[in-house]
All heavy atoms as atom14 arrays in JSON, in Angstrom:
{
  "sequence": "KVNSTKSMVGHLLGAAGGVEAIACIKSINENYVHANAGLVNQDPE",
  "atom14_mask": [
    [1, 1, 1, 1, 1, 1, 1, 1, 1, 0, 0, 0, 0, 0],
    [1, 1, 1, 1, 1, 1, 1, 0, 0, 0, 0, 0, 0, 0],
    [1, 1, 1, 1, 1, 1, 1, 1, 0, 0, 0, 0, 0, 0],
    [1, 1, 1, 1, 1, 1, 0, 0, 0, 0, 0, 0, 0, 0],
    [1, 1, 1, 1, 1, 1, 1, 0, 0, 0, 0, 0, 0, 0],
    [1, 1, 1, 1, 1, 1, 1, 1, 1, 0, 0, 0, 0, 0],
    [1, 1, 1, 1, 1, 1, 0, 0, 0, 0, 0, 0, 0, 0],
    [1, 1, 1, 1, 1, 1, 1, 1, 0, 0, 0, 0, 0, 0],
    [1, 1, 1, 1, 1, 1, 1, 0, 0, 0, 0, 0, 0, 0],
    [1, 1, 1, 1, 0, 0, 0, 0, 0, 0, 0, 0, 0, 0],
    [1, 1, 1, 1, 1, 1, 1, 1, 1, 1, 0, 0, 0, 0],
    [1, 1, 1, 1, 1, 1, 1, 1, 0, 0, 0, 0, 0, 0],
    [1, 1, 1, 1, 1, 1, 1, 1, 0, 0, 0, 0, 0, 0],
    [1, 1, 1, 1, 0, 0, 0, 0, 0, 0, 0, 0, 0, 0],
    [1, 1, 1, 1, 1, 0, 0, 0, 0, 0, 0, 0, 0, 0],
    [1, 1, 1, 1, 1, 0, 0, 0, 0, 0, 0, 0, 0, 0],
    [1, 1, 1, 1, 0, 0, 0, 0, 0, 0, 0, 0, 0, 0],
    [1, 1, 1, 1, 0, 0, 0, 0, 0, 0, 0, 0, 0, 0],
    [1, 1, 1, 1, 1, 1, 1, 0, 0, 0, 0, 0, 0, 0],
    [1, 1, 1, 1, 1, 1, 1, 1, 1, 0, 0, 0, 0, 0],
    [1, 1, 1, 1, 1, 0, 0, 0, 0, 0, 0, 0, 0, 0],
    [1, 1, 1, 1, 1, 1, 1, 1, 0, 0, 0, 0, 0, 0],
    [1, 1, 1, 1, 1, 0, 0, 0, 0, 0, 0, 0, 0, 0],
    [1, 1, 1, 1, 1, 1, 0, 0, 0, 0, 0, 0, 0, 0],
    [1, 1, 1, 1, 1, 1, 1, 1, 0, 0, 0, 0, 0, 0],
    [1, 1, 1, 1, 1, 1, 1, 1, 1, 0, 0, 0, 0, 0],
    [1, 1, 1, 1, 1, 1, 0, 0, 0, 0, 0, 0, 0, 0],
    [1, 1, 1, 1, 1, 1, 1, 1, 0, 0, 0, 0, 0, 0],
    [1, 1, 1, 1, 1, 1, 1, 1, 0, 0, 0, 0, 0, 0],
    [1, 1, 1, 1, 1, 1, 1, 1, 1, 0, 0, 0, 0, 0],
    [1, 1, 1, 1, 1, 1, 1, 1, 0, 0, 0, 0, 0, 0],
    [1, 1, 1, 1, 1, 1, 1, 1, 1, 1, 1, 1, 0, 0],
    [1, 1, 1, 1, 1, 1, 1, 0, 0, 0, 0, 0, 0, 0],
    [1, 1, 1, 1, 1, 1, 1, 1, 1, 1, 0, 0, 0, 0],
    [1, 1, 1, 1, 1, 0, 0, 0, 0, 0, 0, 0, 0, 0],
    [1, 1, 1, 1, 1, 1, 1, 1, 0, 0, 0, 0, 0, 0],
    [1, 1, 1, 1, 1, 0, 0, 0, 0, 0, 0, 0, 0, 0],
    [1, 1, 1, 1, 0, 0, 0, 0, 0, 0, 0, 0, 0, 0],
    [1, 1, 1, 1, 1, 1, 1, 1, 0, 0, 0, 0, 0, 0],
    [1, 1, 1, 1, 1, 1, 1, 0, 0, 0, 0, 0, 0, 0],
    [1, 1, 1, 1, 1, 1, 1, 1, 0, 0, 0, 0, 0, 0],
    [1, 1, 1, 1, 1, 1, 1, 1, 1, 0, 0, 0, 0, 0],
    [1, 1, 1, 1, 1, 1, 1, 1, 0, 0, 0, 0, 0, 0],
    [1, 1, 1, 1, 1, 1, 1, 0, 0, 0, 0, 0, 0, 0],
    [1, 1, 1, 1, 1, 1, 1, 1, 1, 0, 0, 0, 0, 0]
  ],
  "atom14_positions": [
    [[105.68, 101.72, 109.96], [106.02, 101.05, 111.22], [106.86, 102.0, 112.07], [107.76, 102.68, 111.56], [106.8, 99.75, 110.96], [106.1, 98.76, 110.04], [104.83, 98.22, 110.65], [104.15, 97.21, 109.73], [102.84, 96.8, 110.26], [0.0, 0.0, 0.0], [0.0, 0.0, 0.0], [0.0, 0.0, 0.0], [0.0, 0.0, 0.0], [0.0, 0.0, 0.0]],
    [[106.58, 102.01, 113.38], [107.3, 102.89, 114.3], [107.85, 102.07, 115.46], [107.14, 101.29, 116.08], [106.36, 103.99, 114.85], [107.12, 104.9, 115.83], [105.76, 104.82, 113.71], [0.0, 0.0, 0.0], [0.0, 0.0, 0.0], [0.0, 0.0, 0.0], [0.0, 0.0, 0.0], [0.0, 0.0, 0.0], [0.0, 0.0, 0.0], [0.0, 0.0, 0.0]],
    [[109.15, 102.25, 115.73], [109.72, 101.62, 116.93], [110.78, 102.51, 117.54], [111.14, 103.55, 116.99], [110.27, 100.21, 116.63], [111.52, 100.22, 115.76], [112.17, 101.24, 115.56], [111.87, 99.05, 115.22], [0.0, 0.0, 0.0], [0.0, 0.0, 0.0], [0.0, 0.0, 0.0], [0.0, 0.0, 0.0], [0.0, 0.0, 0.0], [0.0, 0.0, 0.0]],
    [[111.26, 102.09, 118.71], [112.34, 102.79, 119.39], [113.37, 101.76, 119.86], [113.06, 100.9, 120.68], [111.81, 103.57, 120.6], [112.89, 104.09, 121.35], [0.0, 0.0, 0.0], [0.0, 0.0, 0.0], [0.0, 0.0, 0.0], [0.0, 0.0, 0.0], [0.0, 0.0, 0.0], [0.0, 0.0, 0.0], [0.0, 0.0, 0.0], [0.0, 0.0, 0.0]],
    [[114.58, 101.85, 119.33], [115.65, 100.94, 119.74], [115.99, 101.14, 121.22], [116.53, 100.23, 121.87], [116.88, 101.16, 118.85], [116.48, 101.01, 117.47], [117.98, 100.14, 119.12], [0.0, 0.0, 0.0], [0.0, 0.0, 0.0], [0.0, 0.0, 0.0], [0.0, 0.0, 0.0], [0.0, 0.0, 0.0], [0.0, 0.0, 0.0], [0.0, 0.0, 0.0]],
    [[115.64, 102.32, 121.76], [115.89, 102.58, 123.19], [115.14, 101.61, 124.09], [115.5, 101.45, 125.27], [115.49, 104.02, 123.53], [116.36, 105.08, 122.87], [115.88, 106.48, 123.2], [116.75, 107.55, 122.54], [116.55, 107.63, 121.07], [0.0, 0.0, 0.0], [0.0, 0.0, 0.0], [0.0, 0.0, 0.0], [0.0, 0.0, 0.0], [0.0, 0.0, 0.0]],
    [[114.11, 100.94, 123.57], [113.39, 99.97, 124.38], [114.28, 98.79, 124.76], [113.99, 98.08, 125.73], [112.15, 99.46, 123.63], [112.51, 98.76, 122.44], [0.0, 0.0, 0.0], [0.0, 0.0, 0.0], [0.0, 0.0, 0.0], [0.0, 0.0, 0.0], [0.0, 0.0, 0.0], [0.0, 0.0, 0.0], [0.0, 0.0, 0.0], [0.0, 0.0, 0.0]],
    [[115.4, 98.59, 124.03], [116.32, 97.5, 124.33], [117.65, 97.96, 124.9], [118.22, 97.31, 125.76], [116.57, 96.67, 123.07], [115.39, 95.81, 122.68], [115.71, 94.8, 121.24], [114.58, 95.54, 120.1], [0.0, 0.0, 0.0], [0.0, 0.0, 0.0], [0.0, 0.0, 0.0], [0.0, 0.0, 0.0], [0.0, 0.0, 0.0], [0.0, 0.0, 0.0]],
    [[118.14, 99.11, 124.42], [119.48, 99.55, 124.83], [119.45, 100.77, 125.75], [120.5, 101.28, 126.14], [120.37, 99.85, 123.6], [120.54, 98.62, 122.75], [119.83, 101.02, 122.78], [0.0, 0.0, 0.0], [0.0, 0.0, 0.0], [0.0, 0.0, 0.0], [0.0, 0.0, 0.0], [0.0, 0.0, 0.0], [0.0, 0.0, 0.0], [0.0, 0.0, 0.0]],
    [[118.24, 101.22, 126.13], [118.17, 102.44, 126.91], [118.51, 103.64, 126.04], [118.61, 103.54, 124.81], [0.0, 0.0, 0.0], [0.0, 0.0, 0.0], [0.0, 0.0, 0.0], [0.0, 0.0, 0.0], [0.0, 0.0, 0.0], [0.0, 0.0, 0.0], [0.0, 0.0, 0.0], [0.0, 0.0, 0.0], [0.0, 0.0, 0.0], [0.0, 0.0, 0.0]],
    [[118.7, 104.77, 126.7], [119.0, 106.02, 125.98], [120.5, 106.25, 125.98], [121.08, 106.58, 127.01], [118.27, 107.18, 126.64], [118.27, 108.43, 125.82], [119.08, 108.6, 124.7], [117.55, 109.58, 125.94], [118.86, 109.8, 124.19], [117.95, 110.41, 124.92], [0.0, 0.0, 0.0], [0.0, 0.0, 0.0], [0.0, 0.0, 0.0], [0.0, 0.0, 0.0]],
    [[121.11, 106.07, 124.82], [122.56, 106.22, 124.7], [123.0, 107.67, 124.55], [124.16, 107.94, 124.24], [123.09, 105.37, 123.53], [123.46, 103.92, 123.86], [122.29, 103.14, 124.42], [124.01, 103.21, 122.63], [0.0, 0.0, 0.0], [0.0, 0.0, 0.0], [0.0, 0.0, 0.0], [0.0, 0.0, 0.0], [0.0, 0.0, 0.0], [0.0, 0.0, 0.0]],
    [[122.08, 108.6, 124.75], [122.39, 110.03, 124.76], [123.11, 110.4, 123.45], [122.55, 110.26, 122.39], [123.2, 110.38, 126.01], [122.56, 109.9, 127.33], [123.5, 110.12, 128.51], [121.23, 110.58, 127.59], [0.0, 0.0, 0.0], [0.0, 0.0, 0.0], [0.0, 0.0, 0.0], [0.0, 0.0, 0.0], [0.0, 0.0, 0.0], [0.0, 0.0, 0.0]],
    [[124.35, 110.88, 123.52], [125.05, 111.3, 122.31], [125.33, 110.17, 121.33], [125.57, 110.42, 120.15], [0.0, 0.0, 0.0], [0.0, 0.0, 0.0], [0.0, 0.0, 0.0], [0.0, 0.0, 0.0], [0.0, 0.0, 0.0], [0.0, 0.0, 0.0], [0.0, 0.0, 0.0], [0.0, 0.0, 0.0], [0.0, 0.0, 0.0], [0.0, 0.0, 0.0]],
    [[125.28, 108.93, 121.79], [125.52, 107.77, 120.91], [124.24, 107.24, 120.28], [124.3, 106.39, 119.38], [126.19, 106.65, 121.7], [0.0, 0.0, 0.0], [0.0, 0.0, 0.0], [0.0, 0.0, 0.0], [0.0, 0.0, 0.0], [0.0, 0.0, 0.0], [0.0, 0.0, 0.0], [0.0, 0.0, 0.0], [0.0, 0.0, 0.0], [0.0, 0.0, 0.0]],
    [[123.08, 107.71, 120.74], [121.81, 107.13, 120.31], [121.64, 107.16, 118.8], [121.29, 106.15, 118.18], [120.65, 107.86, 120.98], [0.0, 0.0, 0.0], [0.0, 0.0, 0.0], [0.0, 0.0, 0.0], [0.0, 0.0, 0.0], [0.0, 0.0, 0.0], [0.0, 0.0, 0.0], [0.0, 0.0, 0.0], [0.0, 0.0, 0.0], [0.0, 0.0, 0.0]],
    [[121.87, 108.31, 118.18], [121.66, 108.45, 116.75], [122.53, 107.52, 115.92], [122.09, 107.0, 114.89], [0.0, 0.0, 0.0], [0.0, 0.0, 0.0], [0.0, 0.0, 0.0], [0.0, 0.0, 0.0], [0.0, 0.0, 0.0], [0.0, 0.0, 0.0], [0.0, 0.0, 0.0], [0.0, 0.0, 0.0], [0.0, 0.0, 0.0], [0.0, 0.0, 0.0]],
    [[123.76, 107.29, 116.37], [124.65, 106.39, 115.64], [124.17, 104.96, 115.66], [124.12, 104.28, 114.63], [0.0, 0.0, 0.0], [0.0, 0.0, 0.0], [0.0, 0.0, 0.0], [0.0, 0.0, 0.0], [0.0, 0.0, 0.0], [0.0, 0.0, 0.0], [0.0, 0.0, 0.0], [0.0, 0.0, 0.0], [0.0, 0.0, 0.0], [0.0, 0.0, 0.0]],
    [[123.79, 104.48, 116.84], [123.3, 103.11, 116.96], [121.96, 102.95, 116.25], [121.69, 101.93, 115.59], [123.19, 102.71, 118.46], [122.47, 101.38, 118.63], [124.59, 102.64, 119.07], [0.0, 0.0, 0.0], [0.0, 0.0, 0.0], [0.0, 0.0, 0.0], [0.0, 0.0, 0.0], [0.0, 0.0, 0.0], [0.0, 0.0, 0.0], [0.0, 0.0, 0.0]],
    [[121.09, 103.97, 116.34], [119.78, 103.89, 115.69], [119.89, 103.96, 114.17], [119.08, 103.37, 113.45], [118.87, 104.96, 116.27], [118.46, 104.62, 117.71], [118.05, 105.8, 118.57], [117.75, 106.89, 118.01], [118.02, 105.65, 119.81], [0.0, 0.0, 0.0], [0.0, 0.0, 0.0], [0.0, 0.0, 0.0], [0.0, 0.0, 0.0], [0.0, 0.0, 0.0]],
    [[120.91, 104.66, 113.66], [121.16, 104.64, 112.22], [121.49, 103.23, 111.76], [121.03, 102.78, 110.7], [122.31, 105.6, 111.88], [0.0, 0.0, 0.0], [0.0, 0.0, 0.0], [0.0, 0.0, 0.0], [0.0, 0.0, 0.0], [0.0, 0.0, 0.0], [0.0, 0.0, 0.0], [0.0, 0.0, 0.0], [0.0, 0.0, 0.0], [0.0, 0.0, 0.0]],
    [[122.28, 102.51, 112.56], [122.63, 101.13, 112.23], [121.37, 100.26, 112.22], [121.19, 99.42, 111.33], [123.69, 100.58, 113.21], [125.02, 101.3, 112.97], [123.86, 99.07, 113.06], [126.07, 101.06, 114.04], [0.0, 0.0, 0.0], [0.0, 0.0, 0.0], [0.0, 0.0, 0.0], [0.0, 0.0, 0.0], [0.0, 0.0, 0.0], [0.0, 0.0, 0.0]],
    [[120.47, 100.49, 113.18], [119.2, 99.74, 113.21], [118.39, 100.01, 111.94], [117.8, 99.09, 111.37], [118.4, 100.12, 114.45], [0.0, 0.0, 0.0], [0.0, 0.0, 0.0], [0.0, 0.0, 0.0], [0.0, 0.0, 0.0], [0.0, 0.0, 0.0], [0.0, 0.0, 0.0], [0.0, 0.0, 0.0], [0.0, 0.0, 0.0], [0.0, 0.0, 0.0]],
    [[118.38, 101.26, 111.48], [117.66, 101.6, 110.24], [118.27, 100.88, 109.03], [117.56, 100.33, 108.19], [117.7, 103.11, 110.0], [116.62, 104.05, 111.09], [0.0, 0.0, 0.0], [0.0, 0.0, 0.0], [0.0, 0.0, 0.0], [0.0, 0.0, 0.0], [0.0, 0.0, 0.0], [0.0, 0.0, 0.0], [0.0, 0.0, 0.0], [0.0, 0.0, 0.0]],
    [[119.59, 100.9, 108.95], [120.28, 100.29, 107.82], [120.07, 98.77, 107.79], [119.8, 98.18, 106.74], [121.78, 100.66, 107.86], [121.96, 102.17, 107.63], [122.57, 99.85, 106.82], [123.29, 102.72, 108.12], [0.0, 0.0, 0.0], [0.0, 0.0, 0.0], [0.0, 0.0, 0.0], [0.0, 0.0, 0.0], [0.0, 0.0, 0.0], [0.0, 0.0, 0.0]],
    [[120.17, 98.15, 108.96], [119.93, 96.7, 109.04], [118.47, 96.37, 108.7], [118.19, 95.34, 108.07], [120.27, 96.18, 110.44], [121.74, 96.27, 110.8], [122.64, 95.42, 109.93], [122.58, 93.96, 110.29], [123.56, 93.16, 109.52], [0.0, 0.0, 0.0], [0.0, 0.0, 0.0], [0.0, 0.0, 0.0], [0.0, 0.0, 0.0], [0.0, 0.0, 0.0]],
    [[117.55, 97.24, 109.08], [116.14, 97.01, 108.75], [115.92, 97.05, 107.25], [115.15, 96.25, 106.7], [115.27, 98.08, 109.44], [115.3, 97.93, 110.84], [0.0, 0.0, 0.0], [0.0, 0.0, 0.0], [0.0, 0.0, 0.0], [0.0, 0.0, 0.0], [0.0, 0.0, 0.0], [0.0, 0.0, 0.0], [0.0, 0.0, 0.0], [0.0, 0.0, 0.0]],
    [[116.62, 97.98, 106.57], [116.53, 98.06, 105.11], [117.14, 96.8, 104.47], [116.56, 96.21, 103.56], [117.25, 99.33, 104.6], [116.43, 100.58, 105.0], [117.47, 99.28, 103.1], [117.18, 101.89, 104.78], [0.0, 0.0, 0.0], [0.0, 0.0, 0.0], [0.0, 0.0, 0.0], [0.0, 0.0, 0.0], [0.0, 0.0, 0.0], [0.0, 0.0, 0.0]],
    [[118.28, 96.38, 104.98], [118.97, 95.21, 104.42], [118.15, 93.93, 104.56], [118.19, 93.06, 103.7], [120.33, 95.01, 105.1], [121.33, 96.11, 104.81], [122.33, 96.23, 105.5], [121.07, 96.93, 103.8], [0.0, 0.0, 0.0], [0.0, 0.0, 0.0], [0.0, 0.0, 0.0], [0.0, 0.0, 0.0], [0.0, 0.0, 0.0], [0.0, 0.0, 0.0]],
    [[117.43, 93.81, 105.67], [116.76, 92.55, 105.97], [115.23, 92.63, 105.87], [114.55, 91.63, 106.14], [117.17, 92.07, 107.38], [118.67, 91.8, 107.48], [119.06, 91.12, 108.79], [118.18, 90.6, 109.49], [120.28, 91.12, 109.09], [0.0, 0.0, 0.0], [0.0, 0.0, 0.0], [0.0, 0.0, 0.0], [0.0, 0.0, 0.0], [0.0, 0.0, 0.0]],
    [[114.71, 93.81, 105.5], [113.24, 93.99, 105.45], [112.61, 93.49, 106.75], [111.71, 92.65, 106.77], [112.64, 93.27, 104.24], [113.01, 93.97, 102.94], [112.89, 95.18, 102.83], [113.48, 93.19, 101.96], [0.0, 0.0, 0.0], [0.0, 0.0, 0.0], [0.0, 0.0, 0.0], [0.0, 0.0, 0.0], [0.0, 0.0, 0.0], [0.0, 0.0, 0.0]],
    [[113.11, 94.05, 107.84], [112.73, 93.59, 109.17], [112.64, 94.79, 110.11], [113.54, 95.63, 110.13], [113.8, 92.61, 109.68], [113.61, 92.1, 111.09], [112.93, 90.91, 111.33], [114.13, 92.8, 112.17], [112.77, 90.42, 112.63], [113.98, 92.32, 113.47], [113.3, 91.14, 113.69], [113.14, 90.67, 114.97], [0.0, 0.0, 0.0], [0.0, 0.0, 0.0]],
    [[111.57, 94.88, 110.87], [111.4, 95.96, 111.84], [111.27, 95.34, 113.23], [110.37, 94.53, 113.48], [110.17, 96.83, 111.53], [109.97, 97.9, 112.6], [110.32, 97.49, 110.16], [0.0, 0.0, 0.0], [0.0, 0.0, 0.0], [0.0, 0.0, 0.0], [0.0, 0.0, 0.0], [0.0, 0.0, 0.0], [0.0, 0.0, 0.0], [0.0, 0.0, 0.0]],
    [[112.19, 95.72, 114.12], [112.19, 95.1, 115.45], [111.04, 95.62, 116.32], [110.47, 96.69, 116.07], [113.55, 95.28, 116.14], [113.85, 96.67, 116.64], [113.2, 97.25, 117.72], [114.76, 97.6, 116.23], [113.7, 98.44, 117.97], [114.63, 98.69, 117.06], [0.0, 0.0, 0.0], [0.0, 0.0, 0.0], [0.0, 0.0, 0.0], [0.0, 0.0, 0.0]],
    [[110.72, 94.86, 117.34], [109.63, 95.22, 118.25], [110.06, 96.33, 119.2], [111.26, 96.53, 119.45], [109.2, 94.0, 119.05], [0.0, 0.0, 0.0], [0.0, 0.0, 0.0], [0.0, 0.0, 0.0], [0.0, 0.0, 0.0], [0.0, 0.0, 0.0], [0.0, 0.0, 0.0], [0.0, 0.0, 0.0], [0.0, 0.0, 0.0], [0.0, 0.0, 0.0]],
    [[109.08, 97.04, 119.74], [109.3, 97.89, 120.91], [109.26, 96.95, 122.11], [108.19, 96.56, 122.57], [108.2, 98.94, 121.02], [108.31, 100.0, 119.95], [109.17, 100.87, 120.01], [107.43, 99.94, 118.95], [0.0, 0.0, 0.0], [0.0, 0.0, 0.0], [0.0, 0.0, 0.0], [0.0, 0.0, 0.0], [0.0, 0.0, 0.0], [0.0, 0.0, 0.0]],
    [[110.44, 96.57, 122.6], [110.49, 95.62, 123.71], [109.75, 96.2, 124.91], [109.95, 97.36, 125.27], [111.94, 95.32, 124.07], [0.0, 0.0, 0.0], [0.0, 0.0, 0.0], [0.0, 0.0, 0.0], [0.0, 0.0, 0.0], [0.0, 0.0, 0.0], [0.0, 0.0, 0.0], [0.0, 0.0, 0.0], [0.0, 0.0, 0.0], [0.0, 0.0, 0.0]],
    [[108.92, 95.39, 125.52], [108.23, 95.83, 126.73], [106.97, 96.63, 126.49], [106.3, 97.02, 127.45], [0.0, 0.0, 0.0], [0.0, 0.0, 0.0], [0.0, 0.0, 0.0], [0.0, 0.0, 0.0], [0.0, 0.0, 0.0], [0.0, 0.0, 0.0], [0.0, 0.0, 0.0], [0.0, 0.0, 0.0], [0.0, 0.0, 0.0], [0.0, 0.0, 0.0]],
    [[106.62, 96.88, 125.22], [105.38, 97.62, 124.95], [104.19, 96.68, 125.15], [103.99, 95.73, 124.41], [105.38, 98.17, 123.52], [104.11, 98.91, 123.07], [103.77, 100.06, 124.01], [104.26, 99.41, 121.63], [0.0, 0.0, 0.0], [0.0, 0.0, 0.0], [0.0, 0.0, 0.0], [0.0, 0.0, 0.0], [0.0, 0.0, 0.0], [0.0, 0.0, 0.0]],
    [[103.4, 96.96, 126.19], [102.26, 96.12, 126.54], [100.96, 96.89, 126.38], [100.05, 96.48, 125.68], [102.39, 95.59, 127.99], [101.18, 94.75, 128.37], [103.68, 94.78, 128.16], [0.0, 0.0, 0.0], [0.0, 0.0, 0.0], [0.0, 0.0, 0.0], [0.0, 0.0, 0.0], [0.0, 0.0, 0.0], [0.0, 0.0, 0.0], [0.0, 0.0, 0.0]],
    [[100.88, 98.04, 127.05], [99.66, 98.85, 127.05], [99.91, 100.14, 126.27], [100.34, 101.14, 126.86], [99.23, 99.17, 128.48], [99.13, 97.93, 129.35], [98.45, 96.98, 128.97], [99.8, 97.93, 130.49], [0.0, 0.0, 0.0], [0.0, 0.0, 0.0], [0.0, 0.0, 0.0], [0.0, 0.0, 0.0], [0.0, 0.0, 0.0], [0.0, 0.0, 0.0]],
    [[99.69, 100.11, 124.96], [99.99, 101.28, 124.14], [99.12, 102.47, 124.54], [97.9, 102.35, 124.69], [99.81, 100.98, 122.65], [100.32, 102.1, 121.75], [100.4, 101.67, 120.3], [100.53, 100.49, 119.99], [100.34, 102.63, 119.39], [0.0, 0.0, 0.0], [0.0, 0.0, 0.0], [0.0, 0.0, 0.0], [0.0, 0.0, 0.0], [0.0, 0.0, 0.0]],
    [[99.78, 103.62, 124.72], [99.08, 104.84, 125.11], [98.21, 105.32, 123.95], [98.69, 105.46, 122.82], [100.12, 105.91, 125.46], [99.53, 107.16, 126.08], [98.32, 107.41, 125.89], [100.27, 107.89, 126.75], [0.0, 0.0, 0.0], [0.0, 0.0, 0.0], [0.0, 0.0, 0.0], [0.0, 0.0, 0.0], [0.0, 0.0, 0.0], [0.0, 0.0, 0.0]],
    [[96.92, 105.6, 124.19], [96.06, 106.13, 123.12], [96.61, 107.42, 122.51], [96.32, 107.73, 121.35], [94.73, 106.38, 123.84], [94.74, 105.47, 125.02], [96.18, 105.37, 125.44], [0.0, 0.0, 0.0], [0.0, 0.0, 0.0], [0.0, 0.0, 0.0], [0.0, 0.0, 0.0], [0.0, 0.0, 0.0], [0.0, 0.0, 0.0], [0.0, 0.0, 0.0]],
    [[97.42, 108.17, 123.29], [98.04, 109.39, 122.74], [99.08, 109.04, 121.68], [99.38, 109.86, 120.83], [98.74, 110.18, 123.87], [97.87, 111.17, 124.6], [98.71, 112.11, 125.44], [99.23, 111.68, 126.48], [98.85, 113.3, 125.06], [0.0, 0.0, 0.0], [0.0, 0.0, 0.0], [0.0, 0.0, 0.0], [0.0, 0.0, 0.0], [0.0, 0.0, 0.0]]
  ]
}
C-alpha cells in the first residue's frame, strides 16, 4: 500500500519526516493505512 500524509497536512518541509514516521508507527499499531485524501484521477505514471 502506498500513501502520502502530505495529502492532508501539506508539505511540512523539515518536519515532514517526523510526522510521517508517526503515521507509519500508528499504521503498524492499528493495521490501518490512511487514504490519499483528494486522490480522484490516479495518474497512469
